[in-house]
N, C-alpha and C. Protein backbone atom coordinates (compact mmCIF):
# COMPACT_ATOMS: atom_id res chain seq x y z
N MET A 1 -141.87 126.22 -107.40
CA MET A 1 -140.95 126.70 -106.40
C MET A 1 -139.87 127.58 -107.04
N ASP A 2 -139.42 127.23 -108.22
CA ASP A 2 -138.38 128.00 -108.88
C ASP A 2 -138.85 129.39 -109.29
N ASP A 3 -140.16 129.56 -109.43
CA ASP A 3 -140.66 130.86 -109.86
C ASP A 3 -140.93 131.81 -108.68
N LYS A 4 -140.84 131.29 -107.46
CA LYS A 4 -141.06 132.16 -106.29
C LYS A 4 -139.75 132.88 -105.97
N PRO A 5 -139.84 134.20 -105.85
CA PRO A 5 -138.61 134.96 -105.58
C PRO A 5 -138.13 134.74 -104.14
N VAL A 6 -136.83 134.83 -103.97
CA VAL A 6 -136.25 134.84 -102.63
C VAL A 6 -136.62 136.18 -102.01
N ARG A 7 -136.88 136.18 -100.72
CA ARG A 7 -137.31 137.42 -100.06
C ARG A 7 -136.29 138.54 -100.31
N GLN A 8 -136.82 139.71 -100.58
CA GLN A 8 -136.01 140.88 -100.93
C GLN A 8 -134.88 141.12 -99.93
N GLY A 9 -133.69 141.35 -100.45
CA GLY A 9 -132.54 141.70 -99.63
C GLY A 9 -131.76 140.52 -99.08
N PHE A 10 -132.21 139.28 -99.34
CA PHE A 10 -131.57 138.11 -98.75
C PHE A 10 -130.11 138.00 -99.18
N SER A 11 -129.85 138.15 -100.46
CA SER A 11 -128.49 138.02 -100.96
C SER A 11 -127.57 139.08 -100.34
N ASP A 12 -128.01 140.32 -100.32
CA ASP A 12 -127.20 141.39 -99.72
C ASP A 12 -127.02 141.19 -98.22
N PHE A 13 -128.03 140.63 -97.57
CA PHE A 13 -127.93 140.33 -96.14
C PHE A 13 -126.85 139.27 -95.89
N LEU A 14 -126.84 138.23 -96.72
CA LEU A 14 -125.81 137.20 -96.58
C LEU A 14 -124.42 137.80 -96.78
N GLN A 15 -124.29 138.66 -97.77
CA GLN A 15 -123.00 139.31 -98.03
C GLN A 15 -122.60 140.20 -96.85
N PHE A 16 -123.55 140.92 -96.30
CA PHE A 16 -123.32 141.79 -95.14
C PHE A 16 -122.76 140.98 -93.97
N LEU A 17 -123.39 139.85 -93.67
CA LEU A 17 -122.92 139.01 -92.56
C LEU A 17 -121.58 138.38 -92.89
N GLY A 18 -121.41 137.93 -94.13
CA GLY A 18 -120.15 137.34 -94.55
C GLY A 18 -118.99 138.32 -94.43
N ASP A 19 -119.23 139.56 -94.80
CA ASP A 19 -118.19 140.59 -94.69
C ASP A 19 -117.75 140.79 -93.24
N ARG A 20 -118.63 140.46 -92.31
CA ARG A 20 -118.33 140.61 -90.88
C ARG A 20 -117.98 139.27 -90.24
N GLN A 21 -117.78 138.26 -91.06
CA GLN A 21 -117.41 136.91 -90.62
C GLN A 21 -118.40 136.34 -89.60
N VAL A 22 -119.67 136.60 -89.85
CA VAL A 22 -120.73 136.05 -89.02
C VAL A 22 -121.24 134.79 -89.70
N PRO A 23 -121.11 133.62 -89.06
CA PRO A 23 -121.59 132.39 -89.69
C PRO A 23 -123.12 132.37 -89.77
N ILE A 24 -123.61 131.82 -90.87
CA ILE A 24 -125.05 131.76 -91.11
C ILE A 24 -125.48 130.31 -91.16
N VAL A 25 -126.41 129.95 -90.30
CA VAL A 25 -126.98 128.61 -90.28
C VAL A 25 -128.46 128.76 -90.63
N VAL A 26 -128.87 128.13 -91.71
CA VAL A 26 -130.28 128.14 -92.10
C VAL A 26 -130.94 126.97 -91.40
N VAL A 27 -131.91 127.25 -90.56
CA VAL A 27 -132.65 126.22 -89.84
C VAL A 27 -134.08 126.26 -90.36
N SER A 28 -134.50 125.16 -90.98
CA SER A 28 -135.79 125.15 -91.65
C SER A 28 -136.61 123.93 -91.25
N GLY A 29 -137.90 124.12 -91.17
CA GLY A 29 -138.81 123.01 -90.95
C GLY A 29 -139.12 122.28 -92.24
N GLY A 30 -138.54 122.72 -93.33
CA GLY A 30 -138.75 122.09 -94.64
C GLY A 30 -137.75 120.97 -94.89
N LEU A 31 -137.68 120.58 -96.14
CA LEU A 31 -136.78 119.50 -96.54
C LEU A 31 -135.49 120.08 -97.11
N VAL A 32 -134.37 119.44 -96.79
CA VAL A 32 -133.05 119.90 -97.25
C VAL A 32 -133.03 120.13 -98.76
N PRO A 33 -133.52 119.20 -99.60
CA PRO A 33 -133.43 119.44 -101.05
C PRO A 33 -134.18 120.70 -101.50
N MET A 34 -135.29 121.01 -100.86
CA MET A 34 -136.03 122.22 -101.23
C MET A 34 -135.26 123.47 -100.83
N VAL A 35 -134.68 123.46 -99.63
CA VAL A 35 -133.91 124.61 -99.16
C VAL A 35 -132.68 124.79 -100.05
N GLU A 36 -131.99 123.68 -100.35
CA GLU A 36 -130.78 123.77 -101.17
C GLU A 36 -131.10 124.24 -102.58
N ARG A 37 -132.26 123.88 -103.07
CA ARG A 37 -132.64 124.34 -104.41
C ARG A 37 -132.77 125.87 -104.45
N VAL A 38 -133.36 126.42 -103.41
CA VAL A 38 -133.47 127.88 -103.33
C VAL A 38 -132.08 128.50 -103.17
N LEU A 39 -131.25 127.89 -102.33
CA LEU A 39 -129.92 128.45 -102.06
C LEU A 39 -128.95 128.26 -103.23
N ALA A 40 -129.33 127.48 -104.22
CA ALA A 40 -128.50 127.31 -105.42
C ALA A 40 -128.65 128.49 -106.37
N ARG A 41 -129.65 129.31 -106.15
CA ARG A 41 -129.86 130.47 -107.02
C ARG A 41 -128.70 131.45 -106.87
N PRO A 42 -128.41 132.18 -107.94
CA PRO A 42 -127.32 133.16 -107.83
C PRO A 42 -127.74 134.37 -106.99
N GLY A 43 -126.79 134.86 -106.21
CA GLY A 43 -127.01 136.07 -105.44
C GLY A 43 -126.62 137.29 -106.25
N THR A 44 -126.66 138.44 -105.62
CA THR A 44 -126.33 139.67 -106.33
C THR A 44 -124.86 139.71 -106.74
N ASP A 45 -124.01 138.89 -106.08
CA ASP A 45 -122.60 138.83 -106.46
C ASP A 45 -122.34 137.81 -107.56
N GLY A 46 -123.41 137.14 -108.04
CA GLY A 46 -123.28 136.16 -109.10
C GLY A 46 -123.00 134.76 -108.62
N ASN A 47 -122.62 134.60 -107.37
CA ASN A 47 -122.35 133.28 -106.80
C ASN A 47 -123.62 132.71 -106.19
N PRO A 48 -123.70 131.37 -106.11
CA PRO A 48 -124.89 130.77 -105.47
C PRO A 48 -125.03 131.25 -104.03
N LEU A 49 -126.26 131.43 -103.60
CA LEU A 49 -126.52 131.87 -102.24
C LEU A 49 -125.88 130.95 -101.21
N HIS A 50 -125.85 129.64 -101.51
CA HIS A 50 -125.32 128.69 -100.52
C HIS A 50 -123.83 128.89 -100.25
N ASP A 51 -123.13 129.64 -101.10
CA ASP A 51 -121.72 129.93 -100.85
C ASP A 51 -121.54 130.76 -99.59
N HIS A 52 -122.59 131.43 -99.14
CA HIS A 52 -122.52 132.30 -97.96
C HIS A 52 -123.11 131.63 -96.72
N ILE A 53 -123.54 130.38 -96.85
CA ILE A 53 -124.21 129.66 -95.76
C ILE A 53 -123.26 128.63 -95.18
N GLU A 54 -123.15 128.59 -93.85
CA GLU A 54 -122.30 127.59 -93.21
C GLU A 54 -122.92 126.20 -93.34
N THR A 55 -124.20 126.10 -93.03
CA THR A 55 -124.88 124.81 -93.14
C THR A 55 -126.39 125.01 -93.16
N VAL A 56 -127.08 123.96 -93.56
CA VAL A 56 -128.55 123.93 -93.54
C VAL A 56 -128.96 122.82 -92.59
N ALA A 57 -129.80 123.13 -91.63
CA ALA A 57 -130.35 122.14 -90.71
C ALA A 57 -131.84 122.02 -91.02
N ALA A 58 -132.21 120.87 -91.54
CA ALA A 58 -133.61 120.62 -91.93
C ALA A 58 -133.82 119.11 -92.00
N MET A 59 -135.00 118.73 -92.39
CA MET A 59 -135.31 117.31 -92.57
C MET A 59 -134.86 116.86 -93.96
N ASN A 60 -134.63 115.56 -94.07
CA ASN A 60 -134.33 114.99 -95.37
C ASN A 60 -135.32 113.87 -95.62
N ILE A 61 -135.27 113.32 -96.79
CA ILE A 61 -136.20 112.24 -97.13
C ILE A 61 -135.42 111.12 -97.81
N ASP A 62 -135.65 109.90 -97.35
CA ASP A 62 -135.02 108.71 -97.93
C ASP A 62 -136.02 108.09 -98.89
N THR A 63 -135.65 108.05 -100.16
CA THR A 63 -136.55 107.52 -101.19
C THR A 63 -136.12 106.14 -101.66
N PHE A 64 -135.13 105.54 -101.00
CA PHE A 64 -134.61 104.25 -101.46
C PHE A 64 -135.43 103.07 -100.97
N ASP A 65 -136.11 103.21 -99.86
CA ASP A 65 -136.97 102.14 -99.37
C ASP A 65 -138.28 102.14 -100.15
N PRO A 66 -139.07 101.08 -100.02
CA PRO A 66 -140.35 101.06 -100.72
C PRO A 66 -141.27 102.22 -100.30
N TYR A 67 -141.08 102.70 -99.07
CA TYR A 67 -141.88 103.82 -98.58
C TYR A 67 -140.93 104.96 -98.25
N PHE A 68 -141.39 106.18 -98.50
CA PHE A 68 -140.58 107.34 -98.13
C PHE A 68 -140.34 107.34 -96.63
N LYS A 69 -139.16 107.75 -96.24
CA LYS A 69 -138.84 107.82 -94.82
C LYS A 69 -138.25 109.20 -94.54
N ILE A 70 -138.82 109.88 -93.57
CA ILE A 70 -138.31 111.19 -93.17
C ILE A 70 -137.11 110.98 -92.25
N ILE A 71 -136.04 111.69 -92.55
CA ILE A 71 -134.84 111.66 -91.73
C ILE A 71 -134.78 113.02 -91.03
N ALA A 72 -134.91 112.98 -89.72
CA ALA A 72 -134.98 114.22 -88.94
C ALA A 72 -133.93 114.18 -87.83
N PRO A 73 -132.68 114.55 -88.16
CA PRO A 73 -131.61 114.46 -87.16
C PRO A 73 -131.79 115.39 -85.96
N PHE A 74 -132.66 116.36 -86.07
CA PHE A 74 -132.87 117.30 -84.97
C PHE A 74 -134.28 117.19 -84.40
N GLU A 75 -134.90 116.04 -84.55
CA GLU A 75 -136.24 115.84 -84.01
C GLU A 75 -136.18 115.85 -82.49
N GLY A 76 -137.16 116.49 -81.88
CA GLY A 76 -137.20 116.52 -80.42
C GLY A 76 -138.54 117.04 -79.95
N GLY A 77 -139.03 116.48 -78.87
CA GLY A 77 -140.32 116.92 -78.33
C GLY A 77 -141.40 116.78 -79.38
N THR A 78 -142.07 117.86 -79.67
CA THR A 78 -143.15 117.84 -80.67
C THR A 78 -142.69 118.40 -82.01
N GLU A 79 -141.38 118.64 -82.16
CA GLU A 79 -140.87 119.28 -83.37
C GLU A 79 -140.05 118.31 -84.22
N MET A 80 -140.30 118.32 -85.51
CA MET A 80 -139.49 117.52 -86.43
C MET A 80 -138.09 118.12 -86.57
N VAL A 81 -138.01 119.43 -86.50
CA VAL A 81 -136.72 120.13 -86.46
C VAL A 81 -136.75 121.02 -85.22
N GLU A 82 -136.14 120.53 -84.16
CA GLU A 82 -136.11 121.29 -82.91
C GLU A 82 -134.99 122.33 -83.04
N LYS A 83 -135.39 123.54 -83.37
CA LYS A 83 -134.43 124.59 -83.72
C LYS A 83 -133.52 124.96 -82.55
N VAL A 84 -134.01 124.85 -81.33
CA VAL A 84 -133.17 125.13 -80.16
C VAL A 84 -132.05 124.09 -80.08
N GLN A 85 -132.35 122.85 -80.45
CA GLN A 85 -131.33 121.80 -80.47
C GLN A 85 -130.22 122.15 -81.47
N VAL A 86 -130.62 122.67 -82.61
CA VAL A 86 -129.63 123.10 -83.62
C VAL A 86 -128.78 124.23 -83.05
N MET A 87 -129.41 125.19 -82.39
CA MET A 87 -128.67 126.30 -81.79
C MET A 87 -127.62 125.77 -80.81
N GLY A 88 -127.96 124.72 -80.08
CA GLY A 88 -127.05 124.15 -79.09
C GLY A 88 -125.80 123.53 -79.67
N LYS A 89 -125.78 123.30 -80.97
CA LYS A 89 -124.60 122.72 -81.62
C LYS A 89 -123.51 123.75 -81.87
N TYR A 90 -123.83 125.02 -81.72
CA TYR A 90 -122.90 126.08 -82.10
C TYR A 90 -122.51 126.92 -80.91
N LYS A 91 -121.26 127.39 -80.94
CA LYS A 91 -120.79 128.34 -79.93
C LYS A 91 -121.01 129.73 -80.51
N TYR A 92 -121.65 130.57 -79.75
CA TYR A 92 -121.91 131.93 -80.20
C TYR A 92 -121.96 132.84 -78.99
N GLN A 93 -121.63 134.11 -79.24
CA GLN A 93 -121.73 135.08 -78.15
C GLN A 93 -123.18 135.49 -77.95
N LYS A 94 -123.86 135.78 -79.05
CA LYS A 94 -125.27 136.16 -79.01
C LYS A 94 -125.96 135.51 -80.21
N ALA A 95 -127.12 134.98 -79.97
CA ALA A 95 -127.89 134.34 -81.05
C ALA A 95 -128.90 135.32 -81.61
N ILE A 96 -128.94 135.38 -82.94
CA ILE A 96 -129.93 136.19 -83.64
C ILE A 96 -130.87 135.23 -84.35
N ALA A 97 -132.15 135.34 -84.08
CA ALA A 97 -133.15 134.50 -84.73
C ALA A 97 -134.01 135.36 -85.66
N ILE A 98 -134.30 134.80 -86.82
CA ILE A 98 -135.16 135.46 -87.80
C ILE A 98 -136.27 134.47 -88.13
N GLY A 99 -137.51 134.85 -87.89
CA GLY A 99 -138.58 133.90 -88.13
C GLY A 99 -139.91 134.55 -88.45
N ASP A 100 -140.88 133.66 -88.78
CA ASP A 100 -142.19 134.16 -89.17
C ASP A 100 -143.36 133.28 -88.75
N SER A 101 -143.09 132.14 -88.10
CA SER A 101 -144.23 131.25 -87.82
C SER A 101 -144.08 130.53 -86.48
N LEU A 102 -145.07 129.73 -86.17
CA LEU A 102 -145.10 128.97 -84.92
C LEU A 102 -143.88 128.08 -84.78
N THR A 103 -143.37 127.54 -85.88
CA THR A 103 -142.21 126.65 -85.78
C THR A 103 -140.95 127.38 -85.31
N ASP A 104 -141.00 128.70 -85.27
CA ASP A 104 -139.84 129.49 -84.85
C ASP A 104 -139.93 129.97 -83.40
N ILE A 105 -141.03 129.67 -82.71
CA ILE A 105 -141.27 130.26 -81.39
C ILE A 105 -140.22 129.86 -80.36
N ASN A 106 -139.88 128.58 -80.24
CA ASN A 106 -138.92 128.16 -79.23
C ASN A 106 -137.54 128.75 -79.49
N MET A 107 -137.14 128.77 -80.75
CA MET A 107 -135.87 129.38 -81.13
C MET A 107 -135.88 130.87 -80.76
N ALA A 108 -136.96 131.54 -81.07
CA ALA A 108 -137.07 132.97 -80.79
C ALA A 108 -137.01 133.24 -79.28
N LEU A 109 -137.64 132.40 -78.50
CA LEU A 109 -137.63 132.60 -77.05
C LEU A 109 -136.23 132.43 -76.47
N LYS A 110 -135.41 131.63 -77.11
CA LYS A 110 -134.04 131.40 -76.63
C LYS A 110 -133.05 132.43 -77.15
N ALA A 111 -133.31 133.03 -78.29
CA ALA A 111 -132.36 133.94 -78.92
C ALA A 111 -132.23 135.26 -78.16
N ASP A 112 -131.07 135.88 -78.33
CA ASP A 112 -130.81 137.17 -77.70
C ASP A 112 -131.48 138.32 -78.45
N LEU A 113 -131.53 138.21 -79.76
CA LEU A 113 -132.16 139.22 -80.61
C LEU A 113 -133.04 138.50 -81.62
N VAL A 114 -134.28 138.94 -81.71
CA VAL A 114 -135.25 138.26 -82.59
C VAL A 114 -135.81 139.26 -83.59
N PHE A 115 -135.83 138.83 -84.84
CA PHE A 115 -136.53 139.55 -85.90
C PHE A 115 -137.75 138.70 -86.23
N ALA A 116 -138.94 139.26 -86.05
CA ALA A 116 -140.17 138.49 -86.21
C ALA A 116 -141.12 139.18 -87.18
N ARG A 117 -141.85 138.37 -87.91
CA ARG A 117 -142.90 138.87 -88.80
C ARG A 117 -144.06 137.89 -88.75
N ASP A 118 -145.15 138.30 -89.33
CA ASP A 118 -146.34 137.46 -89.47
C ASP A 118 -146.77 136.86 -88.14
N ARG A 119 -147.08 135.57 -88.15
CA ARG A 119 -147.64 134.92 -86.96
C ARG A 119 -146.68 134.88 -85.79
N LEU A 120 -145.38 134.84 -86.06
CA LEU A 120 -144.42 134.81 -84.95
C LEU A 120 -144.56 136.05 -84.07
N GLN A 121 -144.87 137.18 -84.67
CA GLN A 121 -145.08 138.40 -83.87
C GLN A 121 -146.20 138.20 -82.85
N GLN A 122 -147.29 137.60 -83.29
CA GLN A 122 -148.42 137.37 -82.39
C GLN A 122 -148.02 136.46 -81.23
N TYR A 123 -147.29 135.39 -81.54
CA TYR A 123 -146.87 134.46 -80.49
C TYR A 123 -145.93 135.13 -79.50
N LEU A 124 -145.00 135.93 -80.00
CA LEU A 124 -144.05 136.60 -79.11
C LEU A 124 -144.73 137.67 -78.27
N ASP A 125 -145.74 138.34 -78.83
CA ASP A 125 -146.52 139.29 -78.04
C ASP A 125 -147.18 138.58 -76.87
N GLU A 126 -147.75 137.40 -77.13
CA GLU A 126 -148.40 136.62 -76.08
C GLU A 126 -147.41 136.18 -75.01
N GLU A 127 -146.17 135.90 -75.42
CA GLU A 127 -145.13 135.45 -74.48
C GLU A 127 -144.41 136.62 -73.80
N GLY A 128 -144.66 137.84 -74.28
CA GLY A 128 -143.99 139.00 -73.71
C GLY A 128 -142.52 139.12 -74.10
N LYS A 129 -142.14 138.51 -75.20
CA LYS A 129 -140.75 138.54 -75.68
C LYS A 129 -140.59 139.70 -76.66
N THR A 130 -139.56 140.50 -76.46
CA THR A 130 -139.31 141.62 -77.38
C THR A 130 -138.72 141.11 -78.68
N TYR A 131 -139.03 141.84 -79.74
CA TYR A 131 -138.54 141.48 -81.07
C TYR A 131 -138.51 142.73 -81.93
N VAL A 132 -137.83 142.60 -83.05
CA VAL A 132 -137.79 143.67 -84.04
C VAL A 132 -138.63 143.22 -85.22
N PRO A 133 -139.67 143.97 -85.59
CA PRO A 133 -140.48 143.57 -86.75
C PRO A 133 -139.69 143.77 -88.04
N TRP A 134 -139.99 142.92 -89.03
CA TRP A 134 -139.31 143.04 -90.32
C TRP A 134 -140.22 142.57 -91.43
N GLU A 135 -139.97 143.06 -92.61
CA GLU A 135 -140.68 142.61 -93.81
C GLU A 135 -139.70 142.02 -94.83
N THR A 136 -138.55 142.69 -94.98
CA THR A 136 -137.53 142.21 -95.93
C THR A 136 -136.20 142.10 -95.19
N PHE A 137 -135.27 141.37 -95.80
CA PHE A 137 -133.94 141.26 -95.20
C PHE A 137 -133.21 142.59 -95.22
N ASP A 138 -133.64 143.50 -96.08
CA ASP A 138 -133.08 144.86 -96.05
C ASP A 138 -133.38 145.51 -94.70
N ASP A 139 -134.57 145.25 -94.15
CA ASP A 139 -134.94 145.80 -92.84
C ASP A 139 -133.98 145.30 -91.76
N ILE A 140 -133.67 144.01 -91.81
CA ILE A 140 -132.79 143.42 -90.80
C ILE A 140 -131.37 143.98 -90.94
N ARG A 141 -130.89 144.02 -92.17
CA ARG A 141 -129.54 144.56 -92.41
C ARG A 141 -129.46 146.01 -91.92
N HIS A 142 -130.47 146.80 -92.25
CA HIS A 142 -130.48 148.20 -91.82
C HIS A 142 -130.46 148.31 -90.30
N TYR A 143 -131.25 147.48 -89.63
CA TYR A 143 -131.27 147.50 -88.16
C TYR A 143 -129.88 147.19 -87.60
N LEU A 144 -129.24 146.16 -88.13
CA LEU A 144 -127.92 145.77 -87.63
C LEU A 144 -126.86 146.82 -87.95
N GLU A 145 -126.99 147.46 -89.11
CA GLU A 145 -126.05 148.54 -89.46
C GLU A 145 -126.22 149.73 -88.52
N THR A 146 -127.46 150.02 -88.18
CA THR A 146 -127.77 151.18 -87.35
C THR A 146 -127.49 150.93 -85.87
N ASN A 147 -127.87 149.75 -85.40
CA ASN A 147 -127.79 149.43 -83.97
C ASN A 147 -126.62 148.54 -83.60
N GLY A 148 -125.96 147.98 -84.59
CA GLY A 148 -124.86 147.06 -84.31
C GLY A 148 -125.38 145.70 -83.90
N PHE A 149 -124.47 144.78 -83.80
CA PHE A 149 -124.82 143.44 -83.34
C PHE A 149 -124.93 143.46 -81.83
N PRO A 150 -125.69 142.53 -81.26
CA PRO A 150 -125.79 142.49 -79.80
C PRO A 150 -124.41 142.28 -79.18
N ALA A 151 -124.13 142.97 -78.10
CA ALA A 151 -122.81 142.84 -77.45
C ALA A 151 -122.77 141.61 -76.58
C-alpha cells in the first residue's frame, strides 16, 4: 500500500480547496487506518495530506476481542458506509461528490455536482445523472477554476 502513489494532483487539489476555505470530508468504504496511512504522506507543501482534511468517515476494526469486529458508525441499508448518511451530518450550500465505483452511486445521485470516473460513469449514465468525467485531481481543480463552484 505504501508503494502505491496517491492519485495525481490530490495534494494540490486539497491546497486549492483549503485556500478557499472549503471543508474536505473523505468518505471511504475502506478502513480508517488504511485511509489515514495514505493521508499521512507528505503533500507538495511538505505537510501531511491529513492536515487539509476535516475528517475521515470510514469503517474501523476492533482487534481487542478474540474475533475482529467491524465498527461501522455510518452503516445503513445495504451499505457498510452509507455515504449519504455522512453527507447529512454536514451543512453545505452545494455538495460536490468525487467517485469511481458502485459504492459512490447513492452519494453521487444526491450531490449537486459530481465528478465520476470508471464504473461510476456507467452507473450514472444508466440513472441519467449528469457528471463531469475526470482522471486526475488536476482535472477536477481545473474544472472548478474554470467554471467556479456551484452557486
